[in-house]
N, C-alpha and C. Protein backbone atom coordinates (compact mmCIF):
# COMPACT_ATOMS: atom_id res chain seq x y z
N MET A 1 -0.09 2.94 -26.41
CA MET A 1 -0.94 2.06 -25.64
C MET A 1 -1.74 2.86 -24.62
N ALA A 2 -2.96 2.52 -24.51
CA ALA A 2 -3.83 3.21 -23.56
C ALA A 2 -3.53 2.75 -22.14
N ARG A 3 -3.74 3.64 -21.23
CA ARG A 3 -3.62 3.32 -19.80
C ARG A 3 -4.80 2.44 -19.40
N ILE A 4 -4.51 1.37 -18.66
CA ILE A 4 -5.55 0.51 -18.11
C ILE A 4 -5.30 0.42 -16.62
N SER A 5 -6.33 0.66 -15.82
CA SER A 5 -6.11 0.63 -14.38
C SER A 5 -7.14 -0.24 -13.67
N TYR A 6 -6.71 -0.73 -12.53
CA TYR A 6 -7.57 -1.50 -11.64
C TYR A 6 -7.70 -0.74 -10.33
N ASN A 7 -8.93 -0.61 -9.86
CA ASN A 7 -9.22 0.04 -8.59
C ASN A 7 -9.01 -1.01 -7.51
N LEU A 8 -8.06 -0.80 -6.63
CA LEU A 8 -7.73 -1.80 -5.62
C LEU A 8 -8.70 -1.78 -4.43
N GLU A 9 -9.87 -1.19 -4.65
CA GLU A 9 -10.96 -1.25 -3.68
C GLU A 9 -12.17 -1.97 -4.29
N ASN A 10 -12.11 -2.26 -5.58
CA ASN A 10 -13.23 -2.86 -6.31
C ASN A 10 -13.08 -4.38 -6.34
N LYS A 11 -14.11 -5.09 -5.91
CA LYS A 11 -14.05 -6.56 -5.80
C LYS A 11 -13.71 -7.23 -7.12
N GLU A 12 -14.33 -6.80 -8.23
CA GLU A 12 -14.07 -7.41 -9.53
C GLU A 12 -12.63 -7.16 -9.98
N ASP A 13 -12.15 -5.95 -9.76
CA ASP A 13 -10.76 -5.63 -10.12
C ASP A 13 -9.79 -6.43 -9.26
N LEU A 14 -10.08 -6.55 -7.97
CA LEU A 14 -9.22 -7.35 -7.09
C LEU A 14 -9.18 -8.80 -7.55
N GLN A 15 -10.33 -9.32 -7.94
CA GLN A 15 -10.41 -10.71 -8.40
C GLN A 15 -9.55 -10.91 -9.65
N ALA A 16 -9.56 -9.94 -10.55
CA ALA A 16 -8.74 -10.03 -11.77
C ALA A 16 -7.25 -10.07 -11.45
N LEU A 17 -6.88 -9.54 -10.29
CA LEU A 17 -5.48 -9.50 -9.86
C LEU A 17 -5.15 -10.60 -8.85
N GLY A 18 -6.09 -11.52 -8.65
CA GLY A 18 -5.87 -12.61 -7.70
C GLY A 18 -5.77 -12.15 -6.27
N ALA A 19 -6.32 -10.98 -5.97
CA ALA A 19 -6.23 -10.41 -4.62
C ALA A 19 -7.57 -10.56 -3.90
N THR A 20 -7.50 -10.71 -2.60
CA THR A 20 -8.72 -10.84 -1.81
C THR A 20 -9.09 -9.55 -1.09
N GLY A 21 -8.25 -8.57 -1.15
CA GLY A 21 -8.52 -7.29 -0.50
C GLY A 21 -7.37 -6.87 0.40
N TRP A 22 -7.53 -5.70 0.96
CA TRP A 22 -6.51 -5.12 1.82
C TRP A 22 -6.58 -5.72 3.21
N ARG A 23 -5.43 -5.85 3.85
CA ARG A 23 -5.32 -6.21 5.26
C ARG A 23 -4.77 -4.98 5.98
N ARG A 24 -5.14 -4.87 7.25
CA ARG A 24 -4.68 -3.69 8.02
C ARG A 24 -4.38 -4.09 9.45
N ALA A 25 -3.35 -3.46 10.00
CA ALA A 25 -3.03 -3.60 11.42
C ALA A 25 -2.56 -2.25 11.93
N MET A 26 -2.96 -1.95 13.14
CA MET A 26 -2.59 -0.68 13.76
C MET A 26 -1.18 -0.77 14.33
N GLY A 27 -0.48 0.34 14.28
CA GLY A 27 0.82 0.45 14.92
C GLY A 27 1.97 0.53 13.95
N LEU A 28 3.06 1.11 14.42
CA LEU A 28 4.29 1.15 13.66
C LEU A 28 4.86 -0.27 13.56
N VAL A 29 4.75 -1.02 14.66
CA VAL A 29 5.09 -2.44 14.69
C VAL A 29 3.84 -3.14 15.24
N PRO A 30 2.96 -3.60 14.36
CA PRO A 30 1.70 -4.20 14.80
C PRO A 30 1.92 -5.34 15.80
N GLY A 31 1.05 -5.35 16.82
CA GLY A 31 1.09 -6.40 17.82
C GLY A 31 2.04 -6.15 18.97
N GLN A 32 2.84 -5.11 18.88
CA GLN A 32 3.80 -4.82 19.94
C GLN A 32 3.20 -3.82 20.94
N PRO A 33 3.67 -3.84 22.20
CA PRO A 33 3.20 -2.85 23.17
C PRO A 33 3.43 -1.43 22.65
N ASN A 34 2.51 -0.55 22.98
CA ASN A 34 2.59 0.86 22.57
C ASN A 34 2.71 0.99 21.05
N GLN A 35 2.10 0.05 20.32
CA GLN A 35 2.11 0.02 18.86
C GLN A 35 3.52 0.03 18.27
N GLY A 36 4.47 -0.46 19.06
CA GLY A 36 5.85 -0.57 18.59
C GLY A 36 6.62 0.73 18.61
N LEU A 37 6.08 1.75 19.26
CA LEU A 37 6.77 3.03 19.32
C LEU A 37 7.83 2.97 20.41
N VAL A 38 9.07 2.80 19.99
CA VAL A 38 10.21 2.75 20.89
C VAL A 38 11.34 3.58 20.31
N ALA A 39 12.21 4.06 21.18
CA ALA A 39 13.35 4.85 20.74
C ALA A 39 14.32 4.00 19.94
N GLU A 40 14.91 4.59 18.94
CA GLU A 40 15.96 4.00 18.13
C GLU A 40 15.53 2.73 17.40
N LEU A 41 14.26 2.64 17.04
CA LEU A 41 13.76 1.53 16.24
C LEU A 41 14.47 1.56 14.89
N MET A 42 15.07 0.45 14.48
CA MET A 42 15.84 0.41 13.23
C MET A 42 15.01 -0.05 12.03
N GLU A 43 13.94 -0.82 12.27
CA GLU A 43 13.09 -1.28 11.17
C GLU A 43 11.84 -1.92 11.75
N THR A 44 10.84 -2.05 10.92
CA THR A 44 9.64 -2.75 11.32
C THR A 44 9.42 -3.91 10.36
N PRO A 45 9.14 -5.10 10.87
CA PRO A 45 9.02 -6.27 10.00
C PRO A 45 7.80 -6.23 9.08
N ALA A 46 6.81 -5.40 9.37
CA ALA A 46 5.58 -5.36 8.56
C ALA A 46 5.83 -4.94 7.13
N ARG A 47 6.96 -4.34 6.84
CA ARG A 47 7.28 -3.91 5.48
C ARG A 47 7.72 -5.06 4.59
N ALA A 48 8.20 -6.15 5.18
CA ALA A 48 8.79 -7.26 4.43
C ALA A 48 7.74 -8.01 3.61
N ALA A 49 8.12 -8.43 2.42
CA ALA A 49 7.19 -9.13 1.53
C ALA A 49 6.70 -10.44 2.13
N ASP A 50 7.54 -11.12 2.90
CA ASP A 50 7.16 -12.42 3.46
C ASP A 50 6.60 -12.32 4.89
N PHE A 51 6.28 -11.13 5.35
CA PHE A 51 5.72 -10.95 6.69
C PHE A 51 4.36 -11.64 6.78
N ASP A 52 4.10 -12.30 7.88
CA ASP A 52 2.84 -13.01 8.09
C ASP A 52 1.78 -12.02 8.59
N ASP A 53 0.89 -11.61 7.70
CA ASP A 53 -0.18 -10.67 8.05
C ASP A 53 -1.53 -11.38 8.20
N SER A 54 -1.49 -12.71 8.37
CA SER A 54 -2.73 -13.49 8.40
C SER A 54 -3.65 -13.14 9.58
N SER A 55 -3.11 -12.58 10.64
CA SER A 55 -3.94 -12.23 11.79
C SER A 55 -4.49 -10.80 11.70
N TRP A 56 -4.11 -10.07 10.69
CA TRP A 56 -4.56 -8.69 10.54
C TRP A 56 -6.03 -8.64 10.13
N ASP A 57 -6.64 -7.47 10.31
CA ASP A 57 -8.01 -7.26 9.83
C ASP A 57 -8.01 -7.48 8.32
N LYS A 58 -9.03 -8.17 7.83
CA LYS A 58 -9.08 -8.54 6.41
C LYS A 58 -10.15 -7.76 5.67
N ASP A 59 -9.91 -7.59 4.37
CA ASP A 59 -10.86 -6.94 3.47
C ASP A 59 -11.35 -5.61 4.05
N VAL A 60 -10.41 -4.78 4.46
CA VAL A 60 -10.74 -3.52 5.13
C VAL A 60 -11.04 -2.41 4.12
N ASP A 61 -11.75 -1.43 4.58
CA ASP A 61 -12.03 -0.21 3.82
C ASP A 61 -10.85 0.73 4.04
N ILE A 62 -10.03 0.93 3.02
CA ILE A 62 -8.85 1.77 3.18
C ILE A 62 -9.20 3.23 3.41
N GLN A 63 -10.43 3.62 3.10
CA GLN A 63 -10.85 5.01 3.31
C GLN A 63 -11.44 5.27 4.69
N GLU A 64 -11.56 4.22 5.51
CA GLU A 64 -12.07 4.41 6.87
C GLU A 64 -11.12 5.30 7.66
N ARG A 65 -11.66 6.33 8.27
CA ARG A 65 -10.85 7.25 9.08
C ARG A 65 -10.55 6.59 10.42
N LEU A 66 -9.28 6.61 10.81
CA LEU A 66 -8.85 5.95 12.03
C LEU A 66 -8.22 6.93 13.01
N SER A 67 -8.61 6.80 14.26
CA SER A 67 -7.97 7.41 15.41
C SER A 67 -7.72 8.91 15.27
N LYS A 68 -6.96 9.41 16.21
CA LYS A 68 -6.52 10.80 16.23
C LYS A 68 -5.15 10.83 16.86
N GLY A 69 -4.51 11.97 16.75
CA GLY A 69 -3.19 12.08 17.35
C GLY A 69 -2.18 11.20 16.66
N LEU A 70 -1.10 10.89 17.35
CA LEU A 70 -0.02 10.10 16.77
C LEU A 70 -0.51 8.67 16.58
N THR A 71 -0.77 8.31 15.34
CA THR A 71 -1.35 7.01 14.99
C THR A 71 -0.65 6.47 13.75
N PHE A 72 -0.43 5.16 13.74
CA PHE A 72 0.14 4.50 12.58
C PHE A 72 -0.71 3.29 12.23
N ALA A 73 -0.77 2.96 10.95
CA ALA A 73 -1.41 1.72 10.50
C ALA A 73 -0.68 1.23 9.26
N TRP A 74 -0.63 -0.09 9.13
CA TRP A 74 -0.10 -0.73 7.94
C TRP A 74 -1.25 -1.28 7.12
N TYR A 75 -1.16 -1.11 5.82
CA TYR A 75 -2.10 -1.69 4.86
C TYR A 75 -1.27 -2.56 3.93
N ARG A 76 -1.75 -3.79 3.67
CA ARG A 76 -1.00 -4.69 2.79
C ARG A 76 -1.96 -5.40 1.84
N ILE A 77 -1.45 -5.62 0.63
CA ILE A 77 -2.20 -6.36 -0.37
C ILE A 77 -1.21 -7.12 -1.25
N LYS A 78 -1.62 -8.31 -1.69
CA LYS A 78 -0.81 -9.10 -2.62
C LYS A 78 -1.57 -9.19 -3.93
N VAL A 79 -0.92 -8.81 -5.02
CA VAL A 79 -1.53 -8.85 -6.34
C VAL A 79 -0.71 -9.76 -7.24
N THR A 80 -1.39 -10.38 -8.20
CA THR A 80 -0.73 -11.23 -9.18
C THR A 80 -0.97 -10.62 -10.56
N ILE A 81 0.10 -10.47 -11.30
CA ILE A 81 0.03 -9.83 -12.61
C ILE A 81 -0.62 -10.79 -13.61
N PRO A 82 -1.73 -10.37 -14.23
CA PRO A 82 -2.37 -11.22 -15.23
C PRO A 82 -1.63 -11.13 -16.57
N ALA A 83 -1.87 -12.10 -17.46
CA ALA A 83 -1.26 -12.07 -18.79
C ALA A 83 -1.89 -10.97 -19.65
N GLN A 84 -3.17 -10.70 -19.38
CA GLN A 84 -3.87 -9.64 -20.08
C GLN A 84 -4.59 -8.77 -19.06
N VAL A 85 -4.71 -7.49 -19.39
CA VAL A 85 -5.46 -6.56 -18.56
C VAL A 85 -6.62 -6.04 -19.39
N LYS A 86 -7.81 -6.40 -18.94
CA LYS A 86 -9.03 -5.98 -19.63
C LYS A 86 -8.95 -6.26 -21.13
N GLY A 87 -8.44 -7.47 -21.45
CA GLY A 87 -8.39 -7.93 -22.84
C GLY A 87 -7.16 -7.52 -23.62
N GLU A 88 -6.24 -6.77 -23.01
CA GLU A 88 -5.03 -6.32 -23.71
C GLU A 88 -3.80 -6.95 -23.09
N SER A 89 -2.81 -7.23 -23.90
CA SER A 89 -1.56 -7.82 -23.45
C SER A 89 -0.82 -6.87 -22.51
N ILE A 90 -0.06 -7.44 -21.58
CA ILE A 90 0.76 -6.62 -20.69
C ILE A 90 2.12 -6.33 -21.31
N SER A 91 2.41 -6.96 -22.44
CA SER A 91 3.69 -6.79 -23.11
C SER A 91 3.95 -5.31 -23.42
N GLY A 92 5.15 -4.87 -23.11
CA GLY A 92 5.54 -3.50 -23.41
C GLY A 92 5.01 -2.47 -22.43
N ARG A 93 4.40 -2.92 -21.37
CA ARG A 93 3.83 -2.00 -20.38
C ARG A 93 4.69 -1.96 -19.11
N ARG A 94 4.41 -0.99 -18.31
CA ARG A 94 4.98 -0.84 -16.99
C ARG A 94 3.81 -0.86 -16.02
N VAL A 95 3.99 -1.41 -14.81
CA VAL A 95 2.93 -1.47 -13.81
C VAL A 95 3.25 -0.48 -12.69
N TRP A 96 2.26 0.34 -12.38
CA TRP A 96 2.40 1.38 -11.36
C TRP A 96 1.42 1.16 -10.22
N PHE A 97 1.85 1.43 -9.00
CA PHE A 97 0.94 1.53 -7.86
C PHE A 97 0.75 3.01 -7.60
N GLU A 98 -0.52 3.43 -7.50
CA GLU A 98 -0.85 4.83 -7.28
C GLU A 98 -1.68 4.94 -6.01
N THR A 99 -1.35 5.91 -5.18
CA THR A 99 -2.10 6.10 -3.94
C THR A 99 -1.99 7.54 -3.46
N ASN A 100 -2.77 7.81 -2.44
CA ASN A 100 -2.77 9.09 -1.76
C ASN A 100 -3.15 8.78 -0.32
N VAL A 101 -2.33 9.18 0.64
CA VAL A 101 -2.63 8.92 2.04
C VAL A 101 -2.75 10.22 2.81
N ASP A 102 -3.40 10.14 3.95
CA ASP A 102 -3.52 11.28 4.85
C ASP A 102 -2.82 10.89 6.14
N ASN A 103 -1.73 11.53 6.51
CA ASN A 103 -1.04 12.54 5.77
C ASN A 103 0.45 12.28 5.63
N TYR A 104 0.93 11.18 6.17
CA TYR A 104 2.30 10.74 5.94
C TYR A 104 2.24 9.27 5.55
N GLY A 105 3.10 8.85 4.62
CA GLY A 105 3.09 7.45 4.23
C GLY A 105 4.42 6.98 3.69
N GLU A 106 4.56 5.66 3.69
CA GLU A 106 5.70 5.00 3.08
C GLU A 106 5.16 3.81 2.30
N VAL A 107 5.64 3.63 1.08
CA VAL A 107 5.19 2.53 0.24
C VAL A 107 6.35 1.58 -0.01
N TYR A 108 6.11 0.32 0.31
CA TYR A 108 7.09 -0.74 0.10
C TYR A 108 6.54 -1.70 -0.94
N ILE A 109 7.31 -1.93 -1.99
CA ILE A 109 6.95 -2.88 -3.03
C ILE A 109 7.87 -4.09 -2.84
N ASP A 110 7.26 -5.23 -2.54
CA ASP A 110 8.03 -6.45 -2.30
C ASP A 110 9.11 -6.24 -1.23
N GLY A 111 8.75 -5.47 -0.19
CA GLY A 111 9.65 -5.27 0.94
C GLY A 111 10.68 -4.18 0.79
N LYS A 112 10.67 -3.50 -0.36
CA LYS A 112 11.67 -2.46 -0.61
C LYS A 112 10.99 -1.11 -0.81
N ILE A 113 11.67 -0.08 -0.34
CA ILE A 113 11.17 1.28 -0.52
C ILE A 113 12.14 2.05 -1.42
N ASP A 114 11.60 2.78 -2.36
CA ASP A 114 12.37 3.73 -3.14
C ASP A 114 12.38 5.00 -2.28
N ARG A 115 13.49 5.29 -1.66
CA ARG A 115 13.54 6.38 -0.68
C ARG A 115 13.30 7.76 -1.30
N ASN A 116 13.42 7.87 -2.62
CA ASN A 116 13.11 9.14 -3.28
C ASN A 116 11.63 9.25 -3.61
N GLN A 117 11.01 8.14 -4.05
CA GLN A 117 9.62 8.18 -4.49
C GLN A 117 8.64 7.57 -3.51
N GLY A 118 9.09 6.69 -2.63
CA GLY A 118 8.19 5.91 -1.78
C GLY A 118 7.73 6.57 -0.50
N VAL A 119 8.21 7.78 -0.22
CA VAL A 119 7.80 8.49 0.98
C VAL A 119 6.78 9.55 0.58
N ILE A 120 5.66 9.58 1.31
CA ILE A 120 4.57 10.51 1.01
C ILE A 120 4.44 11.48 2.16
N THR A 121 4.53 12.76 1.87
CA THR A 121 4.35 13.77 2.90
C THR A 121 3.32 14.78 2.43
N GLY A 122 2.40 15.11 3.31
CA GLY A 122 1.42 16.14 3.02
C GLY A 122 0.09 15.60 2.57
N ASN A 123 -0.96 16.31 2.96
CA ASN A 123 -2.31 15.95 2.53
C ASN A 123 -2.44 16.04 1.02
N ASN A 124 -3.21 15.13 0.45
CA ASN A 124 -3.55 15.16 -0.97
C ASN A 124 -2.34 15.15 -1.88
N THR A 125 -1.30 14.44 -1.48
CA THR A 125 -0.12 14.29 -2.32
C THR A 125 -0.16 12.89 -2.92
N GLY A 126 -0.48 12.81 -4.18
CA GLY A 126 -0.53 11.52 -4.85
C GLY A 126 0.86 10.99 -5.12
N LYS A 127 0.98 9.67 -5.15
CA LYS A 127 2.26 9.02 -5.44
C LYS A 127 2.05 7.91 -6.45
N ARG A 128 3.04 7.74 -7.32
CA ARG A 128 3.08 6.65 -8.30
C ARG A 128 4.42 5.97 -8.16
N LEU A 129 4.38 4.65 -7.99
CA LEU A 129 5.62 3.90 -7.85
C LEU A 129 5.59 2.70 -8.78
N VAL A 130 6.71 2.40 -9.39
CA VAL A 130 6.79 1.26 -10.30
C VAL A 130 6.73 -0.03 -9.49
N VAL A 131 5.82 -0.92 -9.89
CA VAL A 131 5.72 -2.25 -9.29
C VAL A 131 6.52 -3.24 -10.12
N ALA A 132 6.40 -3.14 -11.45
CA ALA A 132 7.11 -4.06 -12.34
C ALA A 132 7.38 -3.38 -13.67
N ASP A 133 8.62 -3.50 -14.15
CA ASP A 133 9.00 -2.95 -15.44
C ASP A 133 10.13 -3.80 -16.01
N PRO A 134 9.83 -4.72 -16.89
CA PRO A 134 8.53 -5.07 -17.44
C PRO A 134 7.80 -6.03 -16.50
N PRO A 135 6.47 -6.10 -16.63
CA PRO A 135 5.71 -7.05 -15.81
C PRO A 135 5.86 -8.48 -16.34
N THR A 136 5.71 -9.42 -15.41
CA THR A 136 5.75 -10.84 -15.75
C THR A 136 4.41 -11.45 -15.36
N ALA A 137 3.72 -12.02 -16.34
CA ALA A 137 2.44 -12.67 -16.06
C ALA A 137 2.63 -13.76 -15.02
N GLY A 138 1.77 -13.77 -14.03
CA GLY A 138 1.82 -14.77 -12.96
C GLY A 138 2.68 -14.37 -11.78
N ALA A 139 3.47 -13.30 -11.91
CA ALA A 139 4.31 -12.85 -10.79
C ALA A 139 3.44 -12.17 -9.74
N SER A 140 3.71 -12.46 -8.49
CA SER A 140 2.99 -11.82 -7.39
C SER A 140 3.84 -10.73 -6.78
N HIS A 141 3.17 -9.68 -6.33
CA HIS A 141 3.85 -8.56 -5.68
C HIS A 141 3.08 -8.17 -4.43
N VAL A 142 3.82 -7.88 -3.36
CA VAL A 142 3.22 -7.43 -2.12
C VAL A 142 3.44 -5.92 -2.01
N ILE A 143 2.33 -5.21 -1.81
CA ILE A 143 2.39 -3.76 -1.62
C ILE A 143 2.03 -3.51 -0.17
N ALA A 144 2.94 -2.88 0.56
CA ALA A 144 2.73 -2.55 1.97
C ALA A 144 2.83 -1.04 2.11
N VAL A 145 1.82 -0.44 2.74
CA VAL A 145 1.78 1.00 2.90
C VAL A 145 1.66 1.33 4.39
N LEU A 146 2.62 2.06 4.90
CA LEU A 146 2.57 2.56 6.27
C LEU A 146 1.97 3.95 6.22
N VAL A 147 0.93 4.19 7.02
CA VAL A 147 0.29 5.50 7.07
C VAL A 147 0.40 6.03 8.50
N GLY A 148 0.76 7.29 8.63
CA GLY A 148 0.89 7.91 9.95
C GLY A 148 0.32 9.31 9.95
N ASN A 149 0.03 9.77 11.13
CA ASN A 149 -0.48 11.11 11.30
C ASN A 149 0.68 12.08 11.46
N ALA A 150 0.55 13.23 10.89
CA ALA A 150 1.62 14.22 10.93
C ALA A 150 1.00 15.61 11.10
N PRO A 151 1.81 16.61 11.42
CA PRO A 151 3.21 16.51 11.76
C PRO A 151 3.40 15.73 13.07
N LEU A 152 4.49 15.00 13.17
CA LEU A 152 4.68 14.11 14.30
C LEU A 152 4.66 14.83 15.64
N GLY A 153 5.15 16.06 15.69
CA GLY A 153 5.17 16.83 16.94
C GLY A 153 3.82 17.34 17.37
N GLU A 154 2.88 17.44 16.44
CA GLU A 154 1.52 17.90 16.75
C GLU A 154 0.56 17.35 15.70
N PRO A 155 0.32 16.03 15.73
CA PRO A 155 -0.52 15.42 14.70
C PRO A 155 -1.97 15.86 14.79
N VAL A 156 -2.59 15.96 13.62
CA VAL A 156 -4.00 16.39 13.54
C VAL A 156 -4.79 15.42 12.68
N GLY A 157 -6.10 15.42 12.87
CA GLY A 157 -6.99 14.64 12.01
C GLY A 157 -6.88 13.15 12.22
N THR A 158 -7.19 12.41 11.16
CA THR A 158 -7.18 10.96 11.20
C THR A 158 -6.31 10.44 10.07
N ILE A 159 -6.13 9.13 10.02
CA ILE A 159 -5.33 8.53 8.95
C ILE A 159 -6.22 7.65 8.09
N PHE A 160 -5.87 7.57 6.81
CA PHE A 160 -6.58 6.72 5.84
C PHE A 160 -5.85 6.80 4.51
N MET A 161 -6.24 5.93 3.59
CA MET A 161 -5.78 6.01 2.21
C MET A 161 -6.95 6.53 1.38
N ARG A 162 -6.73 7.54 0.58
CA ARG A 162 -7.80 8.12 -0.25
C ARG A 162 -8.17 7.19 -1.41
N TYR A 163 -7.17 6.56 -2.01
CA TYR A 163 -7.40 5.65 -3.12
C TYR A 163 -6.18 4.77 -3.30
N ALA A 164 -6.34 3.69 -4.03
CA ALA A 164 -5.25 2.81 -4.40
C ALA A 164 -5.57 2.20 -5.76
N THR A 165 -4.64 2.32 -6.68
CA THR A 165 -4.85 1.89 -8.06
C THR A 165 -3.61 1.13 -8.54
N LEU A 166 -3.83 0.13 -9.36
CA LEU A 166 -2.74 -0.54 -10.07
C LEU A 166 -2.95 -0.21 -11.54
N ALA A 167 -1.99 0.49 -12.13
CA ALA A 167 -2.13 0.97 -13.50
C ALA A 167 -1.10 0.30 -14.41
N PHE A 168 -1.56 -0.05 -15.59
CA PHE A 168 -0.71 -0.65 -16.63
C PHE A 168 -0.59 0.38 -17.75
N GLU A 169 0.61 0.81 -18.02
CA GLU A 169 0.84 1.84 -19.06
C GLU A 169 1.97 1.43 -19.96
């Protein structure tokens, strides 16, 4: 079976996946003082699949360069698996989320992180994570990506996502 992918920045591709675009909020814990940067933080609710991101910036450009120094942002999108992808059945396929962030990231699929595969370190380090295997037509999945500047002790540059793709293979 040939690989079929959707660009998660393209309006037509997003529409095929029932998605309206990316949402973004600044901070490790968006909406909290000091962007939620506190000692001994055990978790951030923005990773959860049922987190209310309705007040976040909508339909954002994931490639927009943000801030400098120690900076965090969350990007979230909800996609719905179609019965067919570009005219082909999803049967027998696996669904992958592919991305590249600058320069530290964590990817949560439906509120869960694969601690071996879901952590991104280093510039230009692409990541592929399974969203569904096997996929179910009509099932919705929330992809949440935390992006931060690194190294944490002396962060440089800005933060952004280079690309985001949903691939059916």
